């Protein structure tokens, strides 16, 4: 696969507090990579730095061979990196339709052959509940409907790299399933996705690689097959510690 994003020794601060310390990360085109870790490990901060919302103190962010670590957010978005932030961050007093159209603003050159309203119809077809509420203010939507709108607004920018920060946060199980069905669809279409998600079981069924964020750095990277093997090994050891004599350790 072609390398799309390469991050090296990235450091990000909030004032005197270093929230991200020396992260390395590589994403290849078409991958779905999950970033997991405890609260405060710097996951959301990393996504904001990749999107240009936060300026790194040091380190490198190379996207499609171009160094973008010092780019402001609007230049990053125009290159095709789009963040769907934790908490949705919609324009609550604007309609569903207006929020969708605002998502296309920085990529308007991409619509010379396809008008923004044509793209709106595609996203309203994906989430029919948004079609029913297209003229209502976004602030009147439920949490699940707002998440659908946030993802759709991000997709209106036609991203080449989609950054998803906790898309299932606070949603009912049925809506979580619908959101992950959308993620499945995007991956089948070849979109590159970096996903921060606390619902690890749902994420693990879909990812190609896993990154673990620690307090100091991203300390581990595993392919899905290696991760599954390690989880099975841990399960055997747990059963043995709990006194299940039928468990035979075959891990060597």
Foldseek 3Di string as FASTA:
>chain_A
DAWFKWWFQWWFDDVVRTQEGTATDIFGFLFEEEEEEDPSLCPLVVLCQLQQVGQTPDTFIAGPNRTCSNPHNLVSLLVFEFECHPPRPFPQQAFLQVLQVVLQVSVCVVCPPPDLVNLVVVLCVLPVVCVVRRRPGLNVDDPLVSLSSSVSSPCSNVGQEYEYEASCPPHDPVSVVSVLVVVVVCSVVRRHYYYYHPPVVSSLVDGQKYFYRGNRYRDDIDGSVVVVVVVVQVVLVVCVVVPPPVRDRPPD
